PDB file of N, CA and C in Angstrom:
ATOM      1  N   UNK A   1     101.440 123.280 108.284  1.00  0.00           N
ATOM      2  CA  UNK A   1     100.894 123.173 109.334  1.00  0.00           C
ATOM      3  C   UNK A   1     101.267 122.172 109.926  1.00  0.00           C
ATOM      4  N   UNK A   2     101.295 121.658 111.452  1.00  0.00           N
ATOM      5  CA  UNK A   2     102.456 120.318 112.292  1.00  0.00           C
ATOM      6  C   UNK A   2     101.479 119.135 111.201  1.00  0.00           C
ATOM      7  N   UNK A   3     102.722 118.229 111.226  1.00  0.00           N
ATOM      8  CA  UNK A   3     102.557 117.327 110.967  1.00  0.00           C
ATOM      9  C   UNK A   3     102.769 116.188 112.085  1.00  0.00           C
ATOM     10  N   UNK A   4     101.487 115.619 112.412  1.00  0.00           N
ATOM     11  CA  UNK A   4     101.512 114.740 113.823  1.00  0.00           C
ATOM     12  C   UNK A   4     100.230 113.706 113.567  1.00  0.00           C
ATOM     13  N   UNK A   5     100.578 112.525 113.996  1.00  0.00           N
ATOM     14  CA  UNK A   5      99.331 111.771 113.898  1.00  0.00           C
ATOM     15  C   UNK A   5      98.595 111.289 114.890  1.00  0.00           C
ATOM     16  N   UNK A   6      97.618 111.449 115.378  1.00  0.00           N
ATOM     17  CA  UNK A   6      96.459 111.285 116.083  1.00  0.00           C
ATOM     18  C   UNK A   6      96.220 110.002 116.195  1.00  0.00           C
ATOM     19  N   UNK A   7      96.402 109.204 118.105  1.00  0.00           N
ATOM     20  CA  UNK A   7      95.408 107.776 117.641  1.00  0.00           C
ATOM     21  C   UNK A   7      94.839 108.198 119.352  1.00  0.00           C
ATOM     22  N   UNK A   8      93.119 107.789 118.879  1.00  0.00           N
ATOM     23  CA  UNK A   8      92.593 107.861 120.012  1.00  0.00           C
ATOM     24  C   UNK A   8      92.078 106.431 120.091  1.00  0.00           C
ATOM     25  N   UNK A   9      91.991 105.507 121.105  1.00  0.00           N
ATOM     26  CA  UNK A   9      91.562 104.031 121.202  1.00  0.00           C
ATOM     27  C   UNK A   9      90.127 104.239 121.234  1.00  0.00           C
ATOM     28  N   UNK A  10      90.085 104.738 122.119  1.00  0.00           N
ATOM     29  CA  UNK A  10      88.255 105.155 122.379  1.00  0.00           C
ATOM     30  C   UNK A  10      87.357 106.342 122.602  1.00  0.00           C
ATOM     31  N   UNK A  11      86.710 107.151 122.042  1.00  0.00           N
ATOM     32  CA  UNK A  11      85.805 108.070 122.324  1.00  0.00           C
ATOM     33  C   UNK A  11      84.280 107.509 122.072  1.00  0.00           C
ATOM     34  N   UNK A  12      84.059 108.491 123.650  1.00  0.00           N
ATOM     35  CA  UNK A  12      82.538 108.694 124.419  1.00  0.00           C
ATOM     36  C   UNK A  12      82.037 109.684 124.153  1.00  0.00           C
ATOM     37  N   UNK A  13      81.194 109.826 123.103  1.00  0.00           N
ATOM     38  CA  UNK A  13      80.170 111.615 123.790  1.00  0.00           C
ATOM     39  C   UNK A  13      78.846 111.285 123.850  1.00  0.00           C
ATOM     40  N   UNK A  14      78.503 111.696 124.663  1.00  0.00           N
ATOM     41  CA  UNK A  14      76.964 111.226 125.054  1.00  0.00           C
ATOM     42  C   UNK A  14      75.709 112.511 124.197  1.00  0.00           C
ATOM     43  N   UNK A  15      76.183 113.714 124.207  1.00  0.00           N
ATOM     44  CA  UNK A  15      75.367 114.778 123.349  1.00  0.00           C
ATOM     45  C   UNK A  15      76.605 115.108 122.525  1.00  0.00           C
ATOM     46  N   UNK A  16      75.928 115.700 121.524  1.00  0.00           N
ATOM     47  CA  UNK A  16      77.188 117.135 120.691  1.00  0.00           C
ATOM     48  C   UNK A  16      75.513 118.095 120.330  1.00  0.00           C
ATOM     49  N   UNK A  17      75.647 119.314 120.507  1.00  0.00           N
ATOM     50  CA  UNK A  17      74.768 120.263 120.089  1.00  0.00           C
ATOM     51  C   UNK A  17      75.094 121.406 120.090  1.00  0.00           C
ATOM     52  N   UNK A  18      74.132 122.424 118.996  1.00  0.00           N
ATOM     53  CA  UNK A  18      74.202 124.237 119.094  1.00  0.00           C
ATOM     54  C   UNK A  18      75.568 123.663 118.579  1.00  0.00           C
ATOM     55  N   UNK A  19      75.724 124.231 116.791  1.00  0.00           N
ATOM     56  CA  UNK A  19      76.869 124.157 115.844  1.00  0.00           C
ATOM     57  C   UNK A  19      77.911 123.985 116.671  1.00  0.00           C
ATOM     58  N   UNK A  20      77.673 122.839 117.375  1.00  0.00           N
ATOM     59  CA  UNK A  20      79.460 121.929 118.049  1.00  0.00           C
ATOM     60  C   UNK A  20      79.959 120.945 116.576  1.00  0.00           C
ATOM     61  N   UNK A  21      80.959 120.535 117.157  1.00  0.00           N
ATOM     62  CA  UNK A  21      81.548 119.587 116.349  1.00  0.00           C
ATOM     63  C   UNK A  21      82.526 118.585 116.673  1.00  0.00           C
ATOM     64  N   UNK A  22      82.457 117.269 116.748  1.00  0.00           N
ATOM     65  CA  UNK A  22      83.260 116.148 116.489  1.00  0.00           C
ATOM     66  C   UNK A  22      84.273 116.021 115.590  1.00  0.00           C
ATOM     67  N   UNK A  23      85.079 116.577 114.870  1.00  0.00           N
ATOM     68  CA  UNK A  23      86.220 116.078 113.980  1.00  0.00           C
ATOM     69  C   UNK A  23      87.014 115.217 114.111  1.00  0.00           C
ATOM     70  N   UNK A  24      87.073 114.065 113.703  1.00  0.00           N
ATOM     71  CA  UNK A  24      88.198 113.454 113.489  1.00  0.00           C
ATOM     72  C   UNK A  24      89.027 113.339 112.000  1.00  0.00           C
ATOM     73  N   UNK A  25      90.173 113.728 112.185  1.00  0.00           N
ATOM     74  CA  UNK A  25      90.924 113.994 111.396  1.00  0.00           C
ATOM     75  C   UNK A  25      91.421 115.449 110.547  1.00  0.00           C
ATOM     76  N   UNK A  26      92.441 115.658 110.023  1.00  0.00           N
ATOM     77  CA  UNK A  26      92.783 117.018 109.702  1.00  0.00           C
ATOM     78  C   UNK A  26      91.609 117.931 109.524  1.00  0.00           C
ATOM     79  N   UNK A  27      92.224 119.244 109.333  1.00  0.00           N
ATOM     80  CA  UNK A  27      90.924 120.213 108.790  1.00  0.00           C
ATOM     81  C   UNK A  27      92.167 121.760 108.820  1.00  0.00           C
ATOM     82  N   UNK A  28      91.602 122.475 107.319  1.00  0.00           N
ATOM     83  CA  UNK A  28      92.206 123.049 107.161  1.00  0.00           C
ATOM     84  C   UNK A  28      91.677 124.659 108.131  1.00  0.00           C
ATOM     85  N   UNK A  29      89.895 124.631 107.490  1.00  0.00           N
ATOM     86  CA  UNK A  29      89.251 126.014 108.398  1.00  0.00           C
ATOM     87  C   UNK A  29      88.557 125.232 109.254  1.00  0.00           C
ATOM     88  N   UNK A  30      88.427 125.664 110.185  1.00  0.00           N
ATOM     89  CA  UNK A  30      86.609 125.102 111.302  1.00  0.00           C
ATOM     90  C   UNK A  30      86.223 126.565 111.895  1.00  0.00           C
ATOM     91  N   UNK A  31      85.249 126.765 111.525  1.00  0.00           N
ATOM     92  CA  UNK A  31      84.360 128.012 111.998  1.00  0.00           C
ATOM     93  C   UNK A  31      82.937 127.543 112.644  1.00  0.00           C
ATOM     94  N   UNK A  32      82.831 128.024 113.695  1.00  0.00           N
ATOM     95  CA  UNK A  32      81.816 127.816 114.547  1.00  0.00           C
ATOM     96  C   UNK A  32      81.179 128.825 115.168  1.00  0.00           C
ATOM     97  N   UNK A  33      79.974 129.159 114.857  1.00  0.00           N
ATOM     98  CA  UNK A  33      79.034 130.041 115.650  1.00  0.00           C
ATOM     99  C   UNK A  33      77.333 129.639 116.559  1.00  0.00           C
ATOM    100  N   UNK A  34      77.418 130.046 117.352  1.00  0.00           N
ATOM    101  CA  UNK A  34      76.290 129.945 118.114  1.00  0.00           C
ATOM    102  C   UNK A  34      75.784 131.059 118.877  1.00  0.00           C
ATOM    103  N   UNK A  35      74.305 131.633 118.642  1.00  0.00           N
ATOM    104  CA  UNK A  35      73.575 132.952 119.237  1.00  0.00           C
ATOM    105  C   UNK A  35      73.142 131.922 119.676  1.00  0.00           C
ATOM    106  N   UNK A  36      72.319 132.481 120.645  1.00  0.00           N
ATOM    107  CA  UNK A  36      71.105 132.096 121.662  1.00  0.00           C
ATOM    108  C   UNK A  36      70.176 133.707 122.740  1.00  0.00           C
ATOM    109  N   UNK A  37      69.198 133.593 122.821  1.00  0.00           N
ATOM    110  CA  UNK A  37      68.614 134.447 123.419  1.00  0.00           C
ATOM    111  C   UNK A  37      68.204 133.348 124.615  1.00  0.00           C
ATOM    112  N   UNK A  38      68.662 133.512 126.186  1.00  0.00           N
ATOM    113  CA  UNK A  38      68.049 132.752 127.318  1.00  0.00           C
ATOM    114  C   UNK A  38      67.257 133.582 128.151  1.00  0.00           C
ATOM    115  N   UNK A  39      65.912 133.393 128.106  1.00  0.00           N
ATOM    116  CA  UNK A  39      65.011 134.327 128.606  1.00  0.00           C
ATOM    117  C   UNK A  39      64.282 133.475 129.718  1.00  0.00           C
ATOM    118  N   UNK A  40      64.269 134.008 131.054  1.00  0.00           N
ATOM    119  CA  UNK A  40      63.840 133.401 132.249  1.00  0.00           C
ATOM    120  C   UNK A  40      62.734 134.494 132.131  1.00  0.00           C
ATOM    121  N   UNK A  41      61.302 133.569 132.945  1.00  0.00           N
ATOM    122  CA  UNK A  41      60.149 134.377 133.093  1.00  0.00           C
ATOM    123  C   UNK A  41      59.611 133.782 134.475  1.00  0.00           C
ATOM    124  N   UNK A  42      58.985 134.631 135.361  1.00  0.00           N
ATOM    125  CA  UNK A  42      58.074 134.650 136.061  1.00  0.00           C
ATOM    126  C   UNK A  42      57.342 133.981 136.151  1.00  0.00           C
ATOM    127  N   UNK A  43      56.193 134.506 134.677  1.00  0.00           N
ATOM    128  CA  UNK A  43      54.518 133.847 134.579  1.00  0.00           C
ATOM    129  C   UNK A  43      55.060 133.497 132.839  1.00  0.00           C
ATOM    130  N   UNK A  44      54.612 132.449 132.874  1.00  0.00           N
ATOM    131  CA  UNK A  44      54.401 132.453 130.897  1.00  0.00           C
ATOM    132  C   UNK A  44      53.639 132.813 130.184  1.00  0.00           C
ATOM    133  N   UNK A  45      54.507 134.058 129.774  1.00  0.00           N
ATOM    134  CA  UNK A  45      54.018 134.709 128.849  1.00  0.00           C
ATOM    135  C   UNK A  45      54.301 134.549 127.762  1.00  0.00           C
ATOM    136  N   UNK A  46      53.856 134.771 126.869  1.00  0.00           N
ATOM    137  CA  UNK A  46      54.649 134.686 125.054  1.00  0.00           C
ATOM    138  C   UNK A  46      53.938 135.364 124.152  1.00  0.00           C
ATOM    139  N   UNK A  47      54.837 136.422 123.985  1.00  0.00           N
ATOM    140  CA  UNK A  47      54.135 137.825 123.293  1.00  0.00           C
ATOM    141  C   UNK A  47      53.964 137.529 121.814  1.00  0.00           C
ATOM    142  N   UNK A  48      54.439 136.562 121.199  1.00  0.00           N
ATOM    143  CA  UNK A  48      54.495 135.835 119.810  1.00  0.00           C
ATOM    144  C   UNK A  48      55.445 136.586 119.097  1.00  0.00           C
ATOM    145  N   UNK A  49      56.185 137.856 119.261  1.00  0.00           N
ATOM    146  CA  UNK A  49      57.134 138.570 117.926  1.00  0.00           C
ATOM    147  C   UNK A  49      58.319 139.003 119.034  1.00  0.00           C
ATOM    148  N   UNK A  50      58.919 137.766 119.909  1.00  0.00           N
ATOM    149  CA  UNK A  50      59.982 137.973 120.365  1.00  0.00           C
ATOM    150  C   UNK A  50      61.394 137.082 119.516  1.00  0.00           C
ATOM    151  N   UNK A  51      62.256 136.807 119.935  1.00  0.00           N
ATOM    152  CA  UNK A  51      63.086 136.159 119.459  1.00  0.00           C
ATOM    153  C   UNK A  51      64.432 136.743 117.888  1.00  0.00           C
ATOM    154  N   UNK A  52      64.477 138.405 118.357  1.00  0.00           N
ATOM    155  CA  UNK A  52      65.110 139.114 117.137  1.00  0.00           C
ATOM    156  C   UNK A  52      66.625 138.863 117.436  1.00  0.00           C
ATOM    157  N   UNK A  53      67.725 138.467 116.806  1.00  0.00           N
ATOM    158  CA  UNK A  53      69.036 138.936 117.384  1.00  0.00           C
ATOM    159  C   UNK A  53      69.079 140.225 116.672  1.00  0.00           C
ATOM    160  N   UNK A  54      68.668 140.778 115.764  1.00  0.00           N
ATOM    161  CA  UNK A  54      69.359 141.837 115.710  1.00  0.00           C
ATOM    162  C   UNK A  54      68.761 143.219 116.694  1.00  0.00           C
ATOM    163  N   UNK A  55      67.497 142.735 117.342  1.00  0.00           N
ATOM    164  CA  UNK A  55      67.272 143.873 118.493  1.00  0.00           C
ATOM    165  C   UNK A  55      68.178 143.784 119.864  1.00  0.00           C
ATOM    166  N   UNK A  56      69.575 143.224 119.772  1.00  0.00           N
ATOM    167  CA  UNK A  56      70.432 143.073 120.652  1.00  0.00           C
ATOM    168  C   UNK A  56      71.890 143.491 120.255  1.00  0.00           C
ATOM    169  N   UNK A  57      72.336 144.579 120.921  1.00  0.00           N
ATOM    170  CA  UNK A  57      73.587 144.928 120.214  1.00  0.00           C
ATOM    171  C   UNK A  57      74.682 143.877 120.688  1.00  0.00           C
ATOM    172  N   UNK A  58      74.290 142.576 121.574  1.00  0.00           N
ATOM    173  CA  UNK A  58      75.579 141.812 121.558  1.00  0.00           C
ATOM    174  C   UNK A  58      76.211 141.108 120.483  1.00  0.00           C
ATOM    175  N   UNK A  59      74.929 140.646 120.050  1.00  0.00           N
ATOM    176  CA  UNK A  59      74.737 139.994 118.636  1.00  0.00           C
ATOM    177  C   UNK A  59      75.461 140.332 117.292  1.00  0.00           C
ATOM    178  N   UNK A  60      75.490 142.002 117.395  1.00  0.00           N
ATOM    179  CA  UNK A  60      76.529 142.415 116.367  1.00  0.00           C
ATOM    180  C   UNK A  60      77.658 143.119 116.680  1.00  0.00           C
ATOM    181  N   UNK A  61      78.182 143.745 117.888  1.00  0.00           N
ATOM    182  CA  UNK A  61      79.208 144.147 118.071  1.00  0.00           C
ATOM    183  C   UNK A  61      80.452 143.703 117.773  1.00  0.00           C
ATOM    184  N   UNK A  62      81.402 144.241 117.377  1.00  0.00           N
ATOM    185  CA  UNK A  62      82.255 143.320 116.933  1.00  0.00           C
ATOM    186  C   UNK A  62      83.640 142.803 118.385  1.00  0.00           C
ATOM    187  N   UNK A  63      83.746 141.602 118.236  1.00  0.00           N
ATOM    188  CA  UNK A  63      84.880 141.423 119.578  1.00  0.00           C
ATOM    189  C   UNK A  63      86.178 141.906 119.179  1.00  0.00           C
ATOM    190  N   UNK A  64      86.671 142.406 120.451  1.00  0.00           N
ATOM    191  CA  UNK A  64      87.765 143.288 120.386  1.00  0.00           C
ATOM    192  C   UNK A  64      89.304 142.500 120.640  1.00  0.00           C
ATOM    193  N   UNK A  65      88.872 141.833 119.436  1.00  0.00           N
ATOM    194  CA  UNK A  65      90.982 141.320 119.979  1.00  0.00           C
ATOM    195  C   UNK A  65      92.006 141.960 119.730  1.00  0.00           C
ATOM    196  N   UNK A  66      92.474 141.653 120.184  1.00  0.00           N
ATOM    197  CA  UNK A  66      94.067 142.383 120.392  1.00  0.00           C
ATOM    198  C   UNK A  66      94.717 142.450 120.071  1.00  0.00           C
ATOM    199  N   UNK A  67      95.851 142.904 119.062  1.00  0.00           N
ATOM    200  CA  UNK A  67      97.124 142.905 118.372  1.00  0.00           C
ATOM    201  C   UNK A  67      97.577 142.187 118.842  1.00  0.00           C
ATOM    202  N   UNK A  68      99.431 141.490 118.761  1.00  0.00           N
ATOM    203  CA  UNK A  68      99.744 140.734 119.308  1.00  0.00           C
ATOM    204  C   UNK A  68     101.000 141.575 118.609  1.00  0.00           C
ATOM    205  N   UNK A  69     101.867 142.575 119.411  1.00  0.00           N
ATOM    206  CA  UNK A  69     102.912 143.100 118.804  1.00  0.00           C
ATOM    207  C   UNK A  69     104.444 142.613 119.447  1.00  0.00           C
ATOM    208  N   UNK A  70     104.172 141.811 120.084  1.00  0.00           N
ATOM    209  CA  UNK A  70     105.687 140.942 120.261  1.00  0.00           C
ATOM    210  C   UNK A  70     105.963 139.975 119.320  1.00  0.00           C
ATOM    211  N   UNK A  71     107.382 140.133 119.568  1.00  0.00           N
ATOM    212  CA  UNK A  71     107.848 139.252 118.962  1.00  0.00           C
ATOM    213  C   UNK A  71     108.298 137.822 119.603  1.00  0.00           C
ATOM    214  N   UNK A  72     108.163 137.090 118.358  1.00  0.00           N
ATOM    215  CA  UNK A  72     108.837 135.895 119.073  1.00  0.00           C
ATOM    216  C   UNK A  72     109.244 134.680 117.935  1.00  0.00           C
ATOM    217  N   UNK A  73     109.358 133.780 118.481  1.00  0.00           N
ATOM    218  CA  UNK A  73     110.617 132.642 117.858  1.00  0.00           C
ATOM    219  C   UNK A  73     109.716 131.559 117.819  1.00  0.00           C
ATOM    220  N   UNK A  74     109.642 130.617 117.127  1.00  0.00           N
ATOM    221  CA  UNK A  74     109.026 129.020 117.371  1.00  0.00           C
ATOM    222  C   UNK A  74     110.166 128.292 116.365  1.00  0.00           C
ATOM    223  N   UNK A  75     110.320 127.302 116.681  1.00  0.00           N
ATOM    224  CA  UNK A  75     111.245 126.283 116.453  1.00  0.00           C
ATOM    225  C   UNK A  75     110.469 124.749 116.372  1.00  0.00           C
ATOM    226  N   UNK A  76     109.483 124.454 116.096  1.00  0.00           N
ATOM    227  CA  UNK A  76     108.937 123.094 116.401  1.00  0.00           C
ATOM    228  C   UNK A  76     109.939 122.201 116.444  1.00  0.00           C
ATOM    229  N   UNK A  77     109.875 120.681 117.662  1.00  0.00           N
ATOM    230  CA  UNK A  77     111.185 119.820 117.195  1.00  0.00           C
ATOM    231  C   UNK A  77     110.030 118.766 118.173  1.00  0.00           C
ATOM    232  N   UNK A  78     109.466 117.844 117.172  1.00  0.00           N
ATOM    233  CA  UNK A  78     108.785 116.880 117.205  1.00  0.00           C
ATOM    234  C   UNK A  78     109.593 115.539 116.860  1.00  0.00           C
ATOM    235  N   UNK A  79     110.230 115.276 118.041  1.00  0.00           N
ATOM    236  CA  UNK A  79     111.072 113.741 118.343  1.00  0.00           C
ATOM    237  C   UNK A  79     109.999 112.502 118.031  1.00  0.00           C
ATOM    238  N   UNK A  80     108.963 112.846 118.454  1.00  0.00           N
ATOM    239  CA  UNK A  80     107.854 111.573 118.561  1.00  0.00           C
ATOM    240  C   UNK A  80     106.089 112.542 117.644  1.00  0.00           C
ATOM    241  N   UNK A  81     106.288 111.875 116.282  1.00  0.00           N
ATOM    242  CA  UNK A  81     105.336 112.908 115.409  1.00  0.00           C
ATOM    243  C   UNK A  81     103.983 111.994 115.715  1.00  0.00           C
ATOM    244  N   UNK A  82     103.344 111.154 117.088  1.00  0.00           N
ATOM    245  CA  UNK A  82     102.213 110.761 117.331  1.00  0.00           C
ATOM    246  C   UNK A  82     102.035 110.988 118.324  1.00  0.00           C
ATOM    247  N   UNK A  83     100.472 111.036 118.686  1.00  0.00           N
ATOM    248  CA  UNK A  83      99.998 112.035 119.855  1.00  0.00           C
ATOM    249  C   UNK A  83      99.289 110.435 120.255  1.00  0.00           C
ATOM    250  N   UNK A  84      99.579 109.531 121.235  1.00  0.00           N
ATOM    251  CA  UNK A  84      98.070 108.802 121.946  1.00  0.00           C
ATOM    252  C   UNK A  84      97.383 108.936 123.034  1.00  0.00           C
ATOM    253  N   UNK A  85      96.554 108.777 122.553  1.00  0.00           N
ATOM    254  CA  UNK A  85      95.371 108.473 123.915  1.00  0.00           C
ATOM    255  C   UNK A  85      94.689 107.592 123.991  1.00  0.00           C
ATOM    256  N   UNK A  86      94.666 107.210 124.973  1.00  0.00           N
ATOM    257  CA  UNK A  86      93.905 105.950 125.322  1.00  0.00           C
ATOM    258  C   UNK A  86      92.225 105.905 125.175  1.00  0.00           C
ATOM    259  N   UNK A  87      91.312 106.957 125.841  1.00  0.00           N
ATOM    260  CA  UNK A  87      89.824 107.057 126.081  1.00  0.00           C
ATOM    261  C   UNK A  87      89.810 108.519 126.430  1.00  0.00           C
ATOM    262  N   UNK A  88      88.409 109.085 125.423  1.00  0.00           N
ATOM    263  CA  UNK A  88      87.990 110.933 125.383  1.00  0.00           C
ATOM    264  C   UNK A  88      86.758 110.169 126.069  1.00  0.00           C
ATOM    265  N   UNK A  89      86.637 110.536 127.216  1.00  0.00           N
ATOM    266  CA  UNK A  89      85.060 110.132 127.546  1.00  0.00           C
ATOM    267  C   UNK A  89      84.328 111.853 128.117  1.00  0.00           C
ATOM    268  N   UNK A  90      83.222 112.610 127.469  1.00  0.00           N
ATOM    269  CA  UNK A  90      82.575 112.919 127.504  1.00  0.00           C
ATOM    270  C   UNK A  90      81.153 113.050 127.245  1.00  0.00           C
ATOM    271  N   UNK A  91      80.440 113.638 128.750  1.00  0.00           N
ATOM    272  CA  UNK A  91      79.265 114.664 128.503  1.00  0.00           C
ATOM    273  C   UNK A  91      78.488 114.743 127.158  1.00  0.00           C
ATOM    274  N   UNK A  92      79.124 115.914 127.602  1.00  0.00           N
ATOM    275  CA  UNK A  92      78.273 116.921 126.346  1.00  0.00           C
ATOM    276  C   UNK A  92      79.111 118.092 125.561  1.00  0.00           C
ATOM    277  N   UNK A  93      79.146 118.191 124.259  1.00  0.00           N
ATOM    278  CA  UNK A  93      79.747 119.794 124.033  1.00  0.00           C
ATOM    279  C   UNK A  93      78.789 120.257 123.176  1.00  0.00           C
ATOM    280  N   UNK A  94      78.302 121.578 123.725  1.00  0.00           N
ATOM    281  CA  UNK A  94      77.557 122.443 123.240  1.00  0.00           C
ATOM    282  C   UNK A  94      77.873 124.039 122.992  1.00  0.00           C
ATOM    283  N   UNK A  95      77.344 124.772 122.458  1.00  0.00           N
ATOM    284  CA  UNK A  95      77.523 125.853 121.877  1.00  0.00           C
ATOM    285  C   UNK A  95      78.782 126.495 121.557  1.00  0.00           C
ATOM    286  N   UNK A  96      78.873 126.139 119.790  1.00  0.00           N
ATOM    287  CA  UNK A  96      79.525 126.178 119.196  1.00  0.00           C
ATOM    288  C   UNK A  96      81.269 125.447 119.669  1.00  0.00           C
ATOM    289  N   UNK A  97      81.401 124.550 120.544  1.00  0.00           N
ATOM    290  CA  UNK A  97      82.627 123.982 120.873  1.00  0.00           C
ATOM    291  C   UNK A  97      82.711 123.243 120.292  1.00  0.00           C
ATOM    292  N   UNK A  98      84.270 122.620 120.094  1.00  0.00           N
ATOM    293  CA  UNK A  98      84.369 121.493 119.225  1.00  0.00           C
ATOM    294  C   UNK A  98      85.416 120.029 120.056  1.00  0.00           C
ATOM    295  N   UNK A  99      85.334 119.389 119.209  1.00  0.00           N
ATOM    296  CA  UNK A  99      86.022 117.898 119.945  1.00  0.00           C
ATOM    297  C   UNK A  99      86.522 117.793 118.466  1.00  0.00           C
ATOM    298  N   UNK A 100      87.947 118.318 118.923  1.00  0.00           N
ATOM    299  CA  UNK A 100      88.889 117.912 117.429  1.00  0.00           C
ATOM    300  C   UNK A 100      90.205 117.063 117.410  1.00  0.00           C
ATOM    301  N   UNK A 101      90.326 115.520 117.129  1.00  0.00           N
ATOM    302  CA  UNK A 101      91.837 114.525 116.828  1.00  0.00           C
ATOM    303  C   UNK A 101      92.030 114.749 115.473  1.00  0.00           C
ATOM    304  N   UNK A 102      92.895 115.652 115.838  1.00  0.00           N
ATOM    305  CA  UNK A 102      93.768 115.475 114.224  1.00  0.00           C
ATOM    306  C   UNK A 102      94.657 116.866 113.990  1.00  0.00           C
ATOM    307  N   UNK A 103      95.092 117.590 112.965  1.00  0.00           N
ATOM    308  CA  UNK A 103      95.855 118.703 112.896  1.00  0.00           C
ATOM    309  C   UNK A 103      94.769 120.169 112.565  1.00  0.00           C
ATOM    310  N   UNK A 104      94.785 121.063 112.658  1.00  0.00           N
ATOM    311  CA  UNK A 104      93.772 122.131 112.385  1.00  0.00           C
ATOM    312  C   UNK A 104      95.220 123.204 111.970  1.00  0.00           C
ATOM    313  N   UNK A 105      95.004 124.057 110.662  1.00  0.00           N
ATOM    314  CA  UNK A 105      95.334 125.317 110.475  1.00  0.00           C
ATOM    315  C   UNK A 105      94.688 126.630 111.137  1.00  0.00           C
ATOM    316  N   UNK A 106      92.987 126.621 110.827  1.00  0.00           N
ATOM    317  CA  UNK A 106      93.041 127.538 111.137  1.00  0.00           C
ATOM    318  C   UNK A 106      91.699 127.236 112.107  1.00  0.00           C
ATOM    319  N   UNK A 107      91.349 128.063 113.202  1.00  0.00           N
ATOM    320  CA  UNK A 107      89.865 127.841 114.451  1.00  0.00           C
ATOM    321  C   UNK A 107      89.593 128.984 114.519  1.00  0.00           C
ATOM    322  N   UNK A 108      88.456 128.861 114.562  1.00  0.00           N
ATOM    323  CA  UNK A 108      87.640 130.291 115.047  1.00  0.00           C
ATOM    324  C   UNK A 108      86.309 130.253 115.400  1.00  0.00           C
ATOM    325  N   UNK A 109      85.854 129.909 116.210  1.00  0.00           N
ATOM    326  CA  UNK A 109      85.026 129.987 117.626  1.00  0.00           C
ATOM    327  C   UNK A 109      84.436 130.661 118.061  1.00  0.00           C
ATOM    328  N   UNK A 110      83.037 130.913 118.390  1.00  0.00           N
ATOM    329  CA  UNK A 110      81.621 132.095 119.060  1.00  0.00           C
ATOM    330  C   UNK A 110      81.005 131.956 119.019  1.00  0.00           C
ATOM    331  N   UNK A 111      80.765 132.060 120.343  1.00  0.00           N
ATOM    332  CA  UNK A 111      79.106 131.961 121.514  1.00  0.00           C
ATOM    333  C   UNK A 111      78.514 133.165 121.725  1.00  0.00           C
ATOM    334  N   UNK A 112      77.606 133.160 121.361  1.00  0.00           N
ATOM    335  CA  UNK A 112      76.607 134.736 121.980  1.00  0.00           C
ATOM    336  C   UNK A 112      75.694 134.701 122.711  1.00  0.00           C
ATOM    337  N   UNK A 113      75.727 134.905 123.913  1.00  0.00           N
ATOM    338  CA  UNK A 113      74.121 134.427 124.433  1.00  0.00           C
ATOM    339  C   UNK A 113      73.585 135.772 125.058  1.00  0.00           C
ATOM    340  N   UNK A 114      72.531 135.658 124.786  1.00  0.00           N
ATOM    341  CA  UNK A 114      71.636 137.355 125.820  1.00  0.00           C
ATOM    342  C   UNK A 114      71.061 136.755 126.865  1.00  0.00           C
ATOM    343  N   UNK A 115      71.465 136.741 128.089  1.00  0.00           N
ATOM    344  CA  UNK A 115      70.005 136.559 129.353  1.00  0.00           C
ATOM    345  C   UNK A 115      69.362 136.989 129.457  1.00  0.00           C
ATOM    346  N   UNK A 116      68.074 137.329 129.897  1.00  0.00           N
ATOM    347  CA  UNK A 116      67.336 138.068 130.020  1.00  0.00           C
ATOM    348  C   UNK A 116      65.940 137.393 130.806  1.00  0.00           C
ATOM    349  N   UNK A 117      66.122 138.040 132.381  1.00  0.00           N
ATOM    350  CA  UNK A 117      65.170 138.099 132.889  1.00  0.00           C
ATOM    351  C   UNK A 117      63.930 139.244 133.398  1.00  0.00           C
ATOM    352  N   UNK A 118      62.814 138.304 132.945  1.00  0.00           N
ATOM    353  CA  UNK A 118      61.570 139.360 133.667  1.00  0.00           C
ATOM    354  C   UNK A 118      61.085 138.773 134.967  1.00  0.00           C
ATOM    355  N   UNK A 119      60.482 139.598 135.340  1.00  0.00           N
ATOM    356  CA  UNK A 119      60.145 139.152 136.316  1.00  0.00           C
ATOM    357  C   UNK A 119      58.888 140.289 136.252  1.00  0.00           C
ATOM    358  N   UNK A 120      57.466 140.099 137.528  1.00  0.00           N
ATOM    359  CA  UNK A 120      56.281 140.253 137.576  1.00  0.00           C
ATOM    360  C   UNK A 120      56.281 141.703 138.006  1.00  0.00           C
ATOM    361  N   UNK A 121      55.551 142.751 138.231  1.00  0.00           N
ATOM    362  CA  UNK A 121      55.869 144.173 139.242  1.00  0.00           C
ATOM    363  C   UNK A 121      55.804 143.370 140.740  1.00  0.00           C
ATOM    364  N   UNK A 122      55.998 143.846 141.333  1.00  0.00           N
ATOM    365  CA  UNK A 122      55.957 143.775 142.865  1.00  0.00           C
ATOM    366  C   UNK A 122      54.387 143.507 143.381  1.00  0.00           C
ATOM    367  N   UNK A 123      54.103 142.264 144.144  1.00  0.00           N
ATOM    368  CA  UNK A 123      52.383 142.007 144.882  1.00  0.00           C
ATOM    369  C   UNK A 123      52.469 141.709 143.208  1.00  0.00           C
ATOM    370  N   UNK A 124      52.167 141.128 142.435  1.00  0.00           N
ATOM    371  CA  UNK A 124      52.176 140.157 141.397  1.00  0.00           C
ATOM    372  C   UNK A 124      52.345 139.001 141.229  1.00  0.00           C
ATOM    373  N   UNK A 125      53.352 138.013 142.208  1.00  0.00           N
ATOM    374  CA  UNK A 125      53.502 137.198 142.070  1.00  0.00           C
ATOM    375  C   UNK A 125      52.425 135.953 141.692  1.00  0.00           C
ATOM    376  N   UNK A 126      53.260 135.547 140.685  1.00  0.00           N
ATOM    377  CA  UNK A 126      52.143 134.053 140.374  1.00  0.00           C
ATOM    378  C   UNK A 126      52.041 133.149 141.240  1.00  0.00           C
ATOM    379  N   UNK A 127      51.038 132.541 141.432  1.00  0.00           N
ATOM    380  CA  UNK A 127      50.780 131.364 142.279  1.00  0.00           C
ATOM    381  C   UNK A 127      51.878 129.972 141.887  1.00  0.00           C
ATOM    382  N   UNK A 128      52.605 129.782 143.014  1.00  0.00           N
ATOM    383  CA  UNK A 128      53.344 128.892 142.955  1.00  0.00           C
ATOM    384  C   UNK A 128      53.116 127.533 143.194  1.00  0.00           C
TER     385      UNK A 128
END
């Protein structure tokens, strides 16, 4: 793992939510996962038996990572092993995201969202 020191004078984050992370310092492994069903309805109807991730393939299909076959060489050269930042100002961190200040060895982040729009049959619009 790279050996650098990170120095941040000020961090301001308003909101951190939904499997997100603010990590200060070094880490070996970070895994983040967020799943969501986003349902938009024309009429407010709750059937009571909704919300099973198993009903939707998007939550179980493997992510098709493409293998890298190209050879490459990497020679790190860090004449100044210090990363300096004056100010980090963030409105929000959400849905399996990360703000990490420090060194990491392995990071895996995944967010899966199923968007569903349920409209009334034509001619049955709800009064607005």
